[in-house]
C-alpha atoms as a PDB file:
ATOM      1  CA  UNK A   1      23.082   7.409  -9.059  1.00  0.00           C
ATOM      2  CA  UNK A   2      24.965  10.282 -10.494  1.00  0.00           C
ATOM      3  CA  UNK A   3      21.670  11.945 -11.490  1.00  0.00           C
ATOM      4  CA  UNK A   4      20.469  11.594  -7.948  1.00  0.00           C
ATOM      5  CA  UNK A   5      23.622  13.064  -6.468  1.00  0.00           C
ATOM      6  CA  UNK A   6      23.430  15.957  -8.967  1.00  0.00           C
ATOM      7  CA  UNK A   7      19.742  16.558  -8.057  1.00  0.00           C
ATOM      8  CA  UNK A   8      20.644  16.592  -4.331  1.00  0.00           C
ATOM      9  CA  UNK A   9      23.588  18.861  -4.866  1.00  0.00           C
ATOM     10  CA  UNK A  10      21.631  21.439  -6.879  1.00  0.00           C
ATOM     11  CA  UNK A  11      18.681  21.250  -4.489  1.00  0.00           C
ATOM     12  CA  UNK A  12      20.933  21.948  -1.525  1.00  0.00           C
ATOM     13  CA  UNK A  13      22.547  24.867  -3.303  1.00  0.00           C
ATOM     14  CA  UNK A  14      19.065  26.339  -4.038  1.00  0.00           C
ATOM     15  CA  UNK A  15      17.817  25.965  -0.489  1.00  0.00           C
ATOM     16  CA  UNK A  16      16.506  22.446  -0.514  1.00  0.00           C
ATOM     17  CA  UNK A  17      14.339  20.087  -2.698  1.00  0.00           C
ATOM     18  CA  UNK A  18      10.659  20.002  -3.060  1.00  0.00           C
ATOM     19  CA  UNK A  19       8.576  17.003  -1.781  1.00  0.00           C
ATOM     20  CA  UNK A  20       8.023  15.829  -5.358  1.00  0.00           C
ATOM     21  CA  UNK A  21      11.790  15.962  -6.148  1.00  0.00           C
ATOM     22  CA  UNK A  22      12.616  14.067  -2.957  1.00  0.00           C
ATOM     23  CA  UNK A  23       9.944  11.421  -3.751  1.00  0.00           C
ATOM     24  CA  UNK A  24      11.526  10.843  -7.215  1.00  0.00           C
ATOM     25  CA  UNK A  25      14.998  10.737  -5.621  1.00  0.00           C
ATOM     26  CA  UNK A  26      14.181   8.085  -3.086  1.00  0.00           C
ATOM     27  CA  UNK A  27      11.471   6.167  -4.951  1.00  0.00           C
ATOM     28  CA  UNK A  28       8.866   6.991  -2.319  1.00  0.00           C
ATOM     29  CA  UNK A  29       5.328   8.299  -3.020  1.00  0.00           C
ATOM     30  CA  UNK A  30       4.826  12.016  -2.040  1.00  0.00           C
ATOM     31  CA  UNK A  31       1.805  11.068   0.016  1.00  0.00           C
ATOM     32  CA  UNK A  32       4.070   8.862   2.134  1.00  0.00           C
ATOM     33  CA  UNK A  33       6.459  11.632   2.811  1.00  0.00           C
ATOM     34  CA  UNK A  34       3.626  13.969   3.814  1.00  0.00           C
ATOM     35  CA  UNK A  35       2.190  11.230   6.054  1.00  0.00           C
ATOM     36  CA  UNK A  36       5.512  10.657   7.796  1.00  0.00           C
ATOM     37  CA  UNK A  37       5.791  14.461   8.326  1.00  0.00           C
ATOM     38  CA  UNK A  38       2.286  14.747   9.787  1.00  0.00           C
ATOM     39  CA  UNK A  39       2.237  11.643  11.924  1.00  0.00           C
ATOM     40  CA  UNK A  40       5.816  11.152  13.044  1.00  0.00           C
ATOM     41  CA  UNK A  41       7.754  14.433  12.558  1.00  0.00           C
ATOM     42  CA  UNK A  42       9.883  13.092   9.729  1.00  0.00           C
ATOM     43  CA  UNK A  43       9.671  16.275   7.836  1.00  0.00           C
ATOM     44  CA  UNK A  44      11.716  19.208   6.493  1.00  0.00           C
ATOM     45  CA  UNK A  45      13.452  21.314   9.100  1.00  0.00           C
ATOM     46  CA  UNK A  46      12.312  24.549   7.375  1.00  0.00           C
ATOM     47  CA  UNK A  47       9.450  25.586   5.151  1.00  0.00           C
ATOM     48  CA  UNK A  48       9.695  28.149   2.404  1.00  0.00           C
ATOM     49  CA  UNK A  49       7.383  31.038   3.134  1.00  0.00           C
ATOM     50  CA  UNK A  50       6.089  29.114   6.153  1.00  0.00           C
ATOM     51  CA  UNK A  51       4.101  26.708   3.884  1.00  0.00           C
ATOM     52  CA  UNK A  52       6.182  24.991   1.223  1.00  0.00           C
ATOM     53  CA  UNK A  53       8.399  22.049   2.246  1.00  0.00           C
ATOM     54  CA  UNK A  54      11.971  22.382   1.307  1.00  0.00           C
ATOM     55  CA  UNK A  55      14.134  19.263   2.069  1.00  0.00           C
ATOM     56  CA  UNK A  56      17.820  19.603   2.891  1.00  0.00           C
ATOM     57  CA  UNK A  57      20.473  16.941   2.570  1.00  0.00           C
ATOM     58  CA  UNK A  58      20.180  16.304   6.335  1.00  0.00           C
ATOM     59  CA  UNK A  59      16.419  15.823   5.946  1.00  0.00           C
ATOM     60  CA  UNK A  60      16.915  13.383   3.144  1.00  0.00           C
ATOM     61  CA  UNK A  61      19.495  11.530   5.227  1.00  0.00           C
ATOM     62  CA  UNK A  62      16.777  11.095   7.902  1.00  0.00           C
ATOM     63  CA  UNK A  63      14.302   9.847   5.285  1.00  0.00           C
ATOM     64  CA  UNK A  64      16.845   7.286   3.989  1.00  0.00           C
ATOM     65  CA  UNK A  65      17.221   6.039   7.663  1.00  0.00           C
ATOM     66  CA  UNK A  66      13.385   5.871   8.047  1.00  0.00           C
ATOM     67  CA  UNK A  67      13.055   3.937   4.726  1.00  0.00           C
ATOM     68  CA  UNK A  68      15.765   1.454   5.682  1.00  0.00           C
ATOM     69  CA  UNK A  69      14.085   0.778   9.063  1.00  0.00           C
ATOM     70  CA  UNK A  70      10.561   0.281   7.609  1.00  0.00           C
ATOM     71  CA  UNK A  71      11.981  -1.821   4.893  1.00  0.00           C
ATOM     72  CA  UNK A  72      13.404  -4.198   7.609  1.00  0.00           C
ATOM     73  CA  UNK A  73       9.859  -4.498   8.947  1.00  0.00           C
ATOM     74  CA  UNK A  74      10.020  -1.999  11.831  1.00  0.00           C
ATOM     75  CA  UNK A  75       6.645  -0.353  12.455  1.00  0.00           C
ATOM     76  CA  UNK A  76       6.603   3.238  11.202  1.00  0.00           C
ATOM     77  CA  UNK A  77       6.147   4.957  14.569  1.00  0.00           C
ATOM     78  CA  UNK A  78       9.051   2.903  16.064  1.00  0.00           C
ATOM     79  CA  UNK A  79      11.240   3.544  12.980  1.00  0.00           C
ATOM     80  CA  UNK A  80      10.503   7.311  13.286  1.00  0.00           C
ATOM     81  CA  UNK A  81      11.632   7.405  16.924  1.00  0.00           C
ATOM     82  CA  UNK A  82      14.755   5.458  16.085  1.00  0.00           C
ATOM     83  CA  UNK A  83      15.592   7.655  13.068  1.00  0.00           C
ATOM     84  CA  UNK A  84      15.025  10.878  14.973  1.00  0.00           C
ATOM     85  CA  UNK A  85      17.102   9.556  17.888  1.00  0.00           C
ATOM     86  CA  UNK A  86      19.931   8.687  15.550  1.00  0.00           C
ATOM     87  CA  UNK A  87      19.794  12.114  13.886  1.00  0.00           C
ATOM     88  CA  UNK A  88      19.767  13.780  17.333  1.00  0.00           C
ATOM     89  CA  UNK A  89      22.955  11.842  18.329  1.00  0.00           C
ATOM     90  CA  UNK A  90      24.823  12.444  14.988  1.00  0.00           C
ATOM     91  CA  UNK A  91      23.968  16.107  14.418  1.00  0.00           C
ATOM     92  CA  UNK A  92      26.079  18.693  16.229  1.00  0.00           C
ATOM     93  CA  UNK A  93      24.039  21.119  18.388  1.00  0.00           C
ATOM     94  CA  UNK A  94      23.784  24.737  17.044  1.00  0.00           C
ATOM     95  CA  UNK A  95      23.419  27.844  19.250  1.00  0.00           C
ATOM     96  CA  UNK A  96      19.760  28.085  18.331  1.00  0.00           C
ATOM     97  CA  UNK A  97      19.148  24.421  18.758  1.00  0.00           C
ATOM     98  CA  UNK A  98      20.907  23.333  22.114  1.00  0.00           C
ATOM     99  CA  UNK A  99      19.118  20.054  22.636  1.00  0.00           C
ATOM    100  CA  UNK A 100      18.358  18.460  19.248  1.00  0.00           C
ATOM    101  CA  UNK A 101      17.097  19.284  15.821  1.00  0.00           C
ATOM    102  CA  UNK A 102      13.581  20.666  16.248  1.00  0.00           C
ATOM    103  CA  UNK A 103      11.627  19.254  13.255  1.00  0.00           C
ATOM    104  CA  UNK A 104       8.108  20.011  14.456  1.00  0.00           C
ATOM    105  CA  UNK A 105       6.356  22.186  16.905  1.00  0.00           C
ATOM    106  CA  UNK A 106       7.164  21.223  20.488  1.00  0.00           C
ATOM    107  CA  UNK A 107       3.622  20.060  21.099  1.00  0.00           C
ATOM    108  CA  UNK A 108       4.102  17.086  18.660  1.00  0.00           C
ATOM    109  CA  UNK A 109       6.066  14.049  19.450  1.00  0.00           C
ATOM    110  CA  UNK A 110       7.183  11.418  16.979  1.00  0.00           C
ATOM    111  CA  UNK A 111       4.498   8.831  16.507  1.00  0.00           C
ATOM    112  CA  UNK A 112       1.708  11.134  17.527  1.00  0.00           C
ATOM    113  CA  UNK A 113      -0.386  12.815  14.811  1.00  0.00           C
ATOM    114  CA  UNK A 114      -2.045  16.201  15.166  1.00  0.00           C
ATOM    115  CA  UNK A 115      -5.721  15.756  16.126  1.00  0.00           C
ATOM    116  CA  UNK A 116      -8.324  16.524  13.421  1.00  0.00           C
ATOM    117  CA  UNK A 117     -11.173  18.753  14.469  1.00  0.00           C
ATOM    118  CA  UNK A 118     -14.205  16.629  15.086  1.00  0.00           C
ATOM    119  CA  UNK A 119     -12.303  13.391  14.858  1.00  0.00           C
ATOM    120  CA  UNK A 120     -12.874  10.672  17.380  1.00  0.00           C
ATOM    121  CA  UNK A 121      -9.900   9.717  19.655  1.00  0.00           C
ATOM    122  CA  UNK A 122      -8.083   6.503  18.817  1.00  0.00           C
ATOM    123  CA  UNK A 123      -9.410   3.379  20.176  1.00  0.00           C
ATOM    124  CA  UNK A 124      -7.343   2.046  23.099  1.00  0.00           C
ATOM    125  CA  UNK A 125      -5.263  -0.848  22.007  1.00  0.00           C
ATOM    126  CA  UNK A 126      -5.773  -0.273  18.282  1.00  0.00           C
ATOM    127  CA  UNK A 127      -2.659  -0.470  16.112  1.00  0.00           C
ATOM    128  CA  UNK A 128      -1.632   2.783  14.411  1.00  0.00           C
ATOM    129  CA  UNK A 129      -1.216   1.962  10.702  1.00  0.00           C
ATOM    130  CA  UNK A 130       0.034   4.581   8.309  1.00  0.00           C
ATOM    131  CA  UNK A 131      -2.495   5.571   5.534  1.00  0.00           C
ATOM    132  CA  UNK A 132      -2.420   2.962   2.806  1.00  0.00           C
ATOM    133  CA  UNK A 133      -0.896   0.285   4.986  1.00  0.00           C
ATOM    134  CA  UNK A 134      -1.660  -3.244   3.842  1.00  0.00           C
ATOM    135  CA  UNK A 135      -3.492  -5.659   6.175  1.00  0.00           C
ATOM    136  CA  UNK A 136      -0.690  -8.224   6.675  1.00  0.00           C
ATOM    137  CA  UNK A 137      -1.898  -9.092  10.294  1.00  0.00           C
ATOM    138  CA  UNK A 138       0.475 -11.186  12.305  1.00  0.00           C
ATOM    139  CA  UNK A 139       2.938 -11.831   9.481  1.00  0.00           C
ATOM    140  CA  UNK A 140       6.753 -12.144   9.539  1.00  0.00           C
ATOM    141  CA  UNK A 141       8.663  -8.839   9.996  1.00  0.00           C
ATOM    142  CA  UNK A 142       9.942  -9.380   6.393  1.00  0.00           C
ATOM    143  CA  UNK A 143       6.365  -9.425   5.204  1.00  0.00           C
ATOM    144  CA  UNK A 144       5.498  -6.052   6.822  1.00  0.00           C
ATOM    145  CA  UNK A 145       8.589  -4.515   5.356  1.00  0.00           C
ATOM    146  CA  UNK A 146       7.739  -5.838   1.878  1.00  0.00           C
ATOM    147  CA  UNK A 147       4.131  -4.551   2.253  1.00  0.00           C
ATOM    148  CA  UNK A 148       5.374  -1.057   3.091  1.00  0.00           C
ATOM    149  CA  UNK A 149       7.869  -1.056   0.201  1.00  0.00           C
ATOM    150  CA  UNK A 150       5.114  -2.150  -2.121  1.00  0.00           C
ATOM    151  CA  UNK A 151       2.791   0.733  -0.957  1.00  0.00           C
ATOM    152  CA  UNK A 152       5.647   3.250  -1.507  1.00  0.00           C
ATOM    153  CA  UNK A 153       6.281   1.708  -4.935  1.00  0.00           C
ATOM    154  CA  UNK A 154       9.901   1.314  -3.899  1.00  0.00           C
ATOM    155  CA  UNK A 155      11.264  -1.015  -6.568  1.00  0.00           C
ATOM    156  CA  UNK A 156      14.826  -1.370  -5.222  1.00  0.00           C
ATOM    157  CA  UNK A 157      13.565  -2.165  -1.700  1.00  0.00           C
ATOM    158  CA  UNK A 158      11.179  -4.840  -2.973  1.00  0.00           C
ATOM    159  CA  UNK A 159      14.037  -6.538  -4.846  1.00  0.00           C
ATOM    160  CA  UNK A 160      16.378  -6.472  -1.892  1.00  0.00           C
ATOM    161  CA  UNK A 161      13.636  -7.740   0.494  1.00  0.00           C
ATOM    162  CA  UNK A 162      12.584 -10.525  -1.703  1.00  0.00           C
ATOM    163  CA  UNK A 163      16.087 -11.770  -2.387  1.00  0.00           C
ATOM    164  CA  UNK A 164      16.901 -11.567   1.301  1.00  0.00           C
ATOM    165  CA  UNK A 165      13.816 -13.524   2.265  1.00  0.00           C
ATOM    166  CA  UNK A 166      14.544 -16.263  -0.321  1.00  0.00           C
ATOM    167  CA  UNK A 167      18.192 -16.474   0.818  1.00  0.00           C
ATOM    168  CA  UNK A 168      17.259 -16.538   4.485  1.00  0.00           C
ATOM    169  CA  UNK A 169      14.329 -18.926   4.523  1.00  0.00           C
ATOM    170  CA  UNK A 170      14.684 -20.860   1.194  1.00  0.00           C
ATOM    171  CA  UNK A 171      12.220 -20.480  -1.618  1.00  0.00           C
ATOM    172  CA  UNK A 172       9.432 -22.589  -0.261  1.00  0.00           C
ATOM    173  CA  UNK A 173       9.309 -20.919   3.210  1.00  0.00           C
ATOM    174  CA  UNK A 174       9.685 -17.426   1.767  1.00  0.00           C
ATOM    175  CA  UNK A 175       6.884 -18.054  -0.647  1.00  0.00           C
ATOM    176  CA  UNK A 176       4.483 -19.370   2.030  1.00  0.00           C
ATOM    177  CA  UNK A 177       5.357 -16.947   4.874  1.00  0.00           C
ATOM    178  CA  UNK A 178       6.487 -13.768   3.210  1.00  0.00           C
ATOM    179  CA  UNK A 179       5.478 -13.539  -0.448  1.00  0.00           C
ATOM    180  CA  UNK A 180       1.987 -14.993  -0.403  1.00  0.00           C
ATOM    181  CA  UNK A 181       0.838 -13.110   2.745  1.00  0.00           C
ATOM    182  CA  UNK A 182       1.911  -9.791   1.117  1.00  0.00           C
ATOM    183  CA  UNK A 183       0.221 -10.710  -2.152  1.00  0.00           C
ATOM    184  CA  UNK A 184      -2.986 -11.634  -0.321  1.00  0.00           C
ATOM    185  CA  UNK A 185      -2.832  -8.277   1.589  1.00  0.00           C
ATOM    186  CA  UNK A 186      -2.595  -6.340  -1.638  1.00  0.00           C
ATOM    187  CA  UNK A 187      -5.524  -8.249  -2.986  1.00  0.00           C
ATOM    188  CA  UNK A 188      -7.646  -7.504   0.131  1.00  0.00           C
ATOM    189  CA  UNK A 189      -6.704  -3.885  -0.004  1.00  0.00           C
ATOM    190  CA  UNK A 190      -7.501  -3.667  -3.708  1.00  0.00           C
ATOM    191  CA  UNK A 191     -10.959  -5.257  -3.042  1.00  0.00           C
ATOM    192  CA  UNK A 192     -11.796  -2.682  -0.293  1.00  0.00           C
ATOM    193  CA  UNK A 193     -10.630   0.457  -1.964  1.00  0.00           C
ATOM    194  CA  UNK A 194     -11.178  -0.301  -5.665  1.00  0.00           C
ATOM    195  CA  UNK A 195      -8.859   0.719  -8.410  1.00  0.00           C
ATOM    196  CA  UNK A 196      -6.612   2.758  -6.133  1.00  0.00           C
ATOM    197  CA  UNK A 197      -4.181  -0.019  -5.430  1.00  0.00           C
ATOM    198  CA  UNK A 198      -3.950  -1.801  -8.759  1.00  0.00           C
ATOM    199  CA  UNK A 199      -0.534  -0.057  -9.349  1.00  0.00           C
ATOM    200  CA  UNK A 200       0.724  -1.588  -6.060  1.00  0.00           C
ATOM    201  CA  UNK A 201      -0.444  -5.075  -7.105  1.00  0.00           C
ATOM    202  CA  UNK A 202       1.011  -4.885 -10.561  1.00  0.00           C
ATOM    203  CA  UNK A 203       4.429  -3.551  -9.371  1.00  0.00           C
ATOM    204  CA  UNK A 204       4.648  -6.116  -6.462  1.00  0.00           C
ATOM    205  CA  UNK A 205       3.660  -8.928  -8.778  1.00  0.00           C
ATOM    206  CA  UNK A 206       6.375  -7.970 -11.307  1.00  0.00           C
ATOM    207  CA  UNK A 207       9.087  -7.903  -8.678  1.00  0.00           C
ATOM    208  CA  UNK A 208       7.954 -11.223  -7.156  1.00  0.00           C
ATOM    209  CA  UNK A 209       8.087 -12.808 -10.644  1.00  0.00           C
ATOM    210  CA  UNK A 210      11.631 -11.326 -11.160  1.00  0.00           C
ATOM    211  CA  UNK A 211      12.809 -12.565  -7.767  1.00  0.00           C
ATOM    212  CA  UNK A 212      11.555 -16.093  -8.573  1.00  0.00           C
ATOM    213  CA  UNK A 213      13.388 -16.103 -11.914  1.00  0.00           C
ATOM    214  CA  UNK A 214      16.543 -14.966 -10.197  1.00  0.00           C
ATOM    215  CA  UNK A 215      16.202 -17.933  -7.751  1.00  0.00           C
ATOM    216  CA  UNK A 216      15.504 -20.318 -10.695  1.00  0.00           C
ATOM    217  CA  UNK A 217      18.541 -19.290 -12.571  1.00  0.00           C
ATOM    218  CA  UNK A 218      21.005 -20.291  -9.801  1.00  0.00           C
ATOM    219  CA  UNK A 219      21.271 -23.948 -10.902  1.00  0.00           C
ATOM    220  CA  UNK A 220      21.457 -25.712 -14.192  1.00  0.00           C
ATOM    221  CA  UNK A 221      19.034 -28.669 -14.942  1.00  0.00           C
ATOM    222  CA  UNK A 222      20.341 -32.157 -14.149  1.00  0.00           C
ATOM    223  CA  UNK A 223      20.715 -34.393 -17.269  1.00  0.00           C
ATOM    224  CA  UNK A 224      18.431 -37.441 -17.498  1.00  0.00           C
ATOM    225  CA  UNK A 225      15.496 -36.068 -15.530  1.00  0.00           C
ATOM    226  CA  UNK A 226      12.001 -35.843 -17.070  1.00  0.00           C
ATOM    227  CA  UNK A 227      10.667 -32.519 -18.014  1.00  0.00           C
ATOM    228  CA  UNK A 228       7.735 -30.873 -16.185  1.00  0.00           C
ATOM    229  CA  UNK A 229       5.453 -28.678 -18.388  1.00  0.00           C
ATOM    230  CA  UNK A 230       3.613 -25.959 -16.504  1.00  0.00           C
ATOM    231  CA  UNK A 231       0.756 -23.923 -18.010  1.00  0.00           C
ATOM    232  CA  UNK A 232      -2.273 -22.042 -16.951  1.00  0.00           C
ATOM    233  CA  UNK A 233      -5.597 -23.241 -18.414  1.00  0.00           C
ATOM    234  CA  UNK A 234      -7.152 -21.302 -21.247  1.00  0.00           C
ATOM    235  CA  UNK A 235      -8.620 -18.018 -19.895  1.00  0.00           C
ATOM    236  CA  UNK A 236      -6.507 -18.173 -16.738  1.00  0.00           C
ATOM    237  CA  UNK A 237      -4.107 -15.222 -16.166  1.00  0.00           C
ATOM    238  CA  UNK A 238      -2.848 -15.825 -12.639  1.00  0.00           C
ATOM    239  CA  UNK A 239       0.682 -17.174 -12.952  1.00  0.00           C
ATOM    240  CA  UNK A 240       2.676 -16.289  -9.772  1.00  0.00           C
ATOM    241  CA  UNK A 241       2.035 -19.595  -7.895  1.00  0.00           C
ATOM    242  CA  UNK A 242       2.919 -21.524 -11.053  1.00  0.00           C
ATOM    243  CA  UNK A 243       6.075 -19.405 -11.288  1.00  0.00           C
ATOM    244  CA  UNK A 244       6.995 -20.343  -7.751  1.00  0.00           C
ATOM    245  CA  UNK A 245       6.557 -23.981  -8.633  1.00  0.00           C
ATOM    246  CA  UNK A 246       8.772 -23.527 -11.725  1.00  0.00           C
ATOM    247  CA  UNK A 247      11.470 -21.876  -9.574  1.00  0.00           C
ATOM    248  CA  UNK A 248      11.257 -24.660  -6.950  1.00  0.00           C
ATOM    249  CA  UNK A 249      11.816 -27.354  -9.676  1.00  0.00           C
ATOM    250  CA  UNK A 250      14.745 -25.348 -11.170  1.00  0.00           C
ATOM    251  CA  UNK A 251      16.372 -25.129  -7.751  1.00  0.00           C
ATOM    252  CA  UNK A 252      16.338 -28.806  -7.478  1.00  0.00           C
ATOM    253  CA  UNK A 253      17.974 -29.182 -10.905  1.00  0.00           C
ATOM    254  CA  UNK A 254      14.746 -30.568 -12.459  1.00  0.00           C
ATOM    255  CA  UNK A 255      14.038 -29.403 -16.074  1.00  0.00           C
ATOM    256  CA  UNK A 256      10.909 -27.367 -16.493  1.00  0.00           C
ATOM    257  CA  UNK A 257       9.057 -25.627 -19.365  1.00  0.00           C
ATOM    258  CA  UNK A 258       6.914 -22.759 -18.093  1.00  0.00           C
ATOM    259  CA  UNK A 259       4.230 -21.567 -20.582  1.00  0.00           C
ATOM    260  CA  UNK A 260       2.570 -18.984 -18.437  1.00  0.00           C
ATOM    261  CA  UNK A 261      -0.872 -17.576 -18.688  1.00  0.00           C
ATOM    262  CA  UNK A 262      -3.881 -18.715 -20.807  1.00  0.00           C
ATOM    263  CA  UNK A 263      -2.226 -21.327 -23.015  1.00  0.00           C
ATOM    264  CA  UNK A 264      -4.710 -22.281 -25.841  1.00  0.00           C
ATOM    265  CA  UNK A 265      -5.688 -25.895 -25.929  1.00  0.00           C
ATOM    266  CA  UNK A 266      -4.104 -26.553 -29.379  1.00  0.00           C
ATOM    267  CA  UNK A 267      -0.835 -24.882 -28.260  1.00  0.00           C
ATOM    268  CA  UNK A 268      -0.859 -27.053 -25.082  1.00  0.00           C
ATOM    269  CA  UNK A 269      -1.252 -30.241 -27.134  1.00  0.00           C
ATOM    270  CA  UNK A 270       1.512 -29.249 -29.488  1.00  0.00           C
ATOM    271  CA  UNK A 271       3.857 -28.379 -26.581  1.00  0.00           C
ATOM    272  CA  UNK A 272       3.208 -31.713 -24.942  1.00  0.00           C
ATOM    273  CA  UNK A 273       3.984 -33.638 -28.209  1.00  0.00           C
ATOM    274  CA  UNK A 274       7.084 -31.667 -28.832  1.00  0.00           C
ATOM    275  CA  UNK A 275       8.638 -31.906 -25.339  1.00  0.00           C
ATOM    276  CA  UNK A 276       7.389 -35.275 -24.246  1.00  0.00           C
ATOM    277  CA  UNK A 277       7.018 -34.234 -20.632  1.00  0.00           C
ATOM    278  CA  UNK A 278       7.003 -36.602 -17.648  1.00  0.00           C
ATOM    279  CA  UNK A 279       4.259 -34.446 -16.086  1.00  0.00           C
ATOM    280  CA  UNK A 280       1.929 -31.612 -17.018  1.00  0.00           C
ATOM    281  CA  UNK A 281       0.686 -29.155 -14.439  1.00  0.00           C
ATOM    282  CA  UNK A 282      -2.508 -27.216 -15.227  1.00  0.00           C
ATOM    283  CA  UNK A 283      -3.202 -24.164 -13.029  1.00  0.00           C
ATOM    284  CA  UNK A 284      -6.715 -22.703 -12.512  1.00  0.00           C
ATOM    285  CA  UNK A 285      -7.320 -19.901 -10.041  1.00  0.00           C
ATOM    286  CA  UNK A 286     -11.113 -19.954 -10.426  1.00  0.00           C
ATOM    287  CA  UNK A 287     -13.741 -22.557 -11.106  1.00  0.00           C
ATOM    288  CA  UNK A 288     -14.587 -20.768 -14.414  1.00  0.00           C
ATOM    289  CA  UNK A 289     -11.133 -21.587 -15.830  1.00  0.00           C
ATOM    290  CA  UNK A 290     -10.870 -25.191 -14.496  1.00  0.00           C
ATOM    291  CA  UNK A 291     -11.978 -27.667 -17.214  1.00  0.00           C
ATOM    292  CA  UNK A 292     -12.270 -31.401 -16.658  1.00  0.00           C
ATOM    293  CA  UNK A 293     -12.503 -31.887 -20.435  1.00  0.00           C
ATOM    294  CA  UNK A 294      -9.167 -30.243 -20.865  1.00  0.00           C
ATOM    295  CA  UNK A 295      -7.513 -32.700 -18.263  1.00  0.00           C
ATOM    296  CA  UNK A 296      -8.934 -35.679 -20.142  1.00  0.00           C
ATOM    297  CA  UNK A 297      -7.743 -34.279 -23.456  1.00  0.00           C
ATOM    298  CA  UNK A 298      -4.139 -33.760 -22.079  1.00  0.00           C
ATOM    299  CA  UNK A 299      -4.063 -37.139 -20.431  1.00  0.00           C
ATOM    300  CA  UNK A 300      -4.844 -38.838 -23.744  1.00  0.00           C
ATOM    301  CA  UNK A 301      -1.934 -37.264 -25.644  1.00  0.00           C
ATOM    302  CA  UNK A 302       0.683 -39.814 -26.755  1.00  0.00           C
ATOM    303  CA  UNK A 303       4.073 -39.629 -28.242  1.00  0.00           C
ATOM    304  CA  UNK A 304       6.999 -41.943 -28.997  1.00  0.00           C
ATOM    305  CA  UNK A 305       7.529 -44.861 -31.279  1.00  0.00           C
ATOM    306  CA  UNK A 306       4.727 -47.423 -31.991  1.00  0.00           C
ATOM    307  CA  UNK A 307       4.684 -50.098 -29.345  1.00  0.00           C
ATOM    308  CA  UNK A 308       6.414 -47.759 -26.775  1.00  0.00           C
ATOM    309  CA  UNK A 309       3.870 -44.948 -26.611  1.00  0.00           C
ATOM    310  CA  UNK A 310       4.002 -42.661 -23.486  1.00  0.00           C
ATOM    311  CA  UNK A 311       1.581 -40.316 -21.819  1.00  0.00           C
ATOM    312  CA  UNK A 312       2.186 -37.533 -19.205  1.00  0.00           C
ATOM    313  CA  UNK A 313       1.172 -37.627 -15.611  1.00  0.00           C
ATOM    314  CA  UNK A 314      -1.320 -34.759 -15.185  1.00  0.00           C
ATOM    315  CA  UNK A 315      -1.528 -32.617 -12.056  1.00  0.00           C
ATOM    316  CA  UNK A 316      -4.130 -29.998 -11.467  1.00  0.00           C
ATOM    317  CA  UNK A 317      -3.257 -27.132  -9.207  1.00  0.00           C
ATOM    318  CA  UNK A 318      -4.964 -24.043  -7.874  1.00  0.00           C
ATOM    319  CA  UNK A 319      -8.174 -23.285  -6.007  1.00  0.00           C
ATOM    320  CA  UNK A 320     -10.327 -23.496  -9.183  1.00  0.00           C
ATOM    321  CA  UNK A 321     -10.231 -27.279  -9.133  1.00  0.00           C
ATOM    322  CA  UNK A 322     -11.885 -27.644  -5.718  1.00  0.00           C
ATOM    323  CA  UNK A 323     -15.061 -29.757  -5.877  1.00  0.00           C
ATOM    324  CA  UNK A 324     -14.538 -30.801  -9.497  1.00  0.00           C
ATOM    325  CA  UNK A 325     -11.358 -32.875  -9.472  1.00  0.00           C
ATOM    326  CA  UNK A 326     -10.874 -35.170 -12.430  1.00  0.00           C
ATOM    327  CA  UNK A 327     -10.759 -38.792 -11.362  1.00  0.00           C
ATOM    328  CA  UNK A 328      -7.252 -39.617 -12.634  1.00  0.00           C
ATOM    329  CA  UNK A 329      -5.409 -36.336 -12.244  1.00  0.00           C
ATOM    330  CA  UNK A 330      -3.207 -35.721  -9.188  1.00  0.00           C
ATOM    331  CA  UNK A 331      -4.131 -32.706  -7.016  1.00  0.00           C
ATOM    332  CA  UNK A 332      -1.283 -31.691  -4.653  1.00  0.00           C
ATOM    333  CA  UNK A 333      -2.372 -29.588  -1.645  1.00  0.00           C
ATOM    334  CA  UNK A 334       0.358 -27.049  -1.867  1.00  0.00           C
ATOM    335  CA  UNK A 335       3.697 -26.024  -3.334  1.00  0.00           C
ATOM    336  CA  UNK A 336       5.696 -28.419  -1.141  1.00  0.00           C
ATOM    337  CA  UNK A 337       3.624 -31.525  -2.158  1.00  0.00           C
ATOM    338  CA  UNK A 338       3.585 -30.481  -5.765  1.00  0.00           C
ATOM    339  CA  UNK A 339       7.416 -30.283  -5.798  1.00  0.00           C
ATOM    340  CA  UNK A 340       7.710 -33.734  -4.072  1.00  0.00           C
ATOM    341  CA  UNK A 341       5.311 -35.310  -6.575  1.00  0.00           C
ATOM    342  CA  UNK A 342       6.925 -33.794  -9.571  1.00  0.00           C
ATOM    343  CA  UNK A 343      10.411 -34.652  -8.326  1.00  0.00           C
ATOM    344  CA  UNK A 344       9.465 -38.308  -7.888  1.00  0.00           C
ATOM    345  CA  UNK A 345       7.894 -38.400 -11.417  1.00  0.00           C
ATOM    346  CA  UNK A 346      10.792 -36.536 -13.055  1.00  0.00           C
ATOM    347  CA  UNK A 347      13.428 -38.909 -11.635  1.00  0.00           C
ATOM    348  CA  UNK A 348      11.805 -42.197 -12.487  1.00  0.00           C
END
């Protein structure tokens, strides 16, 4: 924080900060700042030599307001109007600026972008998404805010929004109505534009994982309950849904051992024998990583003294098991059902 204040102070003394410096200061991509300037008039009040952007402390204050509003899920055009209106009310009028701060040519209004030569006019009724916006559709407001923070690579905003969603709705509802839709939107965007959004997906996944662990750490396991062992099948690297299940169990005070991605078969067998779990959950995202033979192998593992041998209940989870369910294994339809089944098994 001290470094940021120092950067802002030095930049103000030198006539303002460059776009790159402001982007680093706020944790916002430079392309986002240029888009906000072009589309909504959220830009620097002056330009060096008529071309280069130089952001003053007042400009940066306006950006912080814009970031806060979009983080809360407000559409960018609406957030721009609100931020500019707030700046207009708060800033004292100057002799050369009697009405309000003039940030852009008078022909532009917040929320309207300059027409591109040869471009087709916008389709009536079409929504105006900022470049790079994720296709979240009719999701919760928190989902839209999280999507925008992810596109901006705004780590602090993602943490705050994820924690707030979990606190407000509870882990299950936050996962199903805020986190999953945003993750799916990132996946759809990645599929349509190729490698460009891999960094968004990786950063968002990391912060989702961190938020789930913070939620899981809020309660200690209850003594006497059976352990649930959670692992991805060999070759499977998608772990977030399994991490959500682990966090949900932990929040109920149920002991859990989370082994994460691509656990080898031999390691899985050893983990089962060493922990003696009440249940084992095997996650497979795709059909190529779902193995009926693995389920049979895990179901057959025994431990305990002779005459009182025990075996784990086995649950298969994830879309990879569709159409090839093992006969004895349980297959919960979602996170809520999985938690209910595991809680019942654990408390026997």
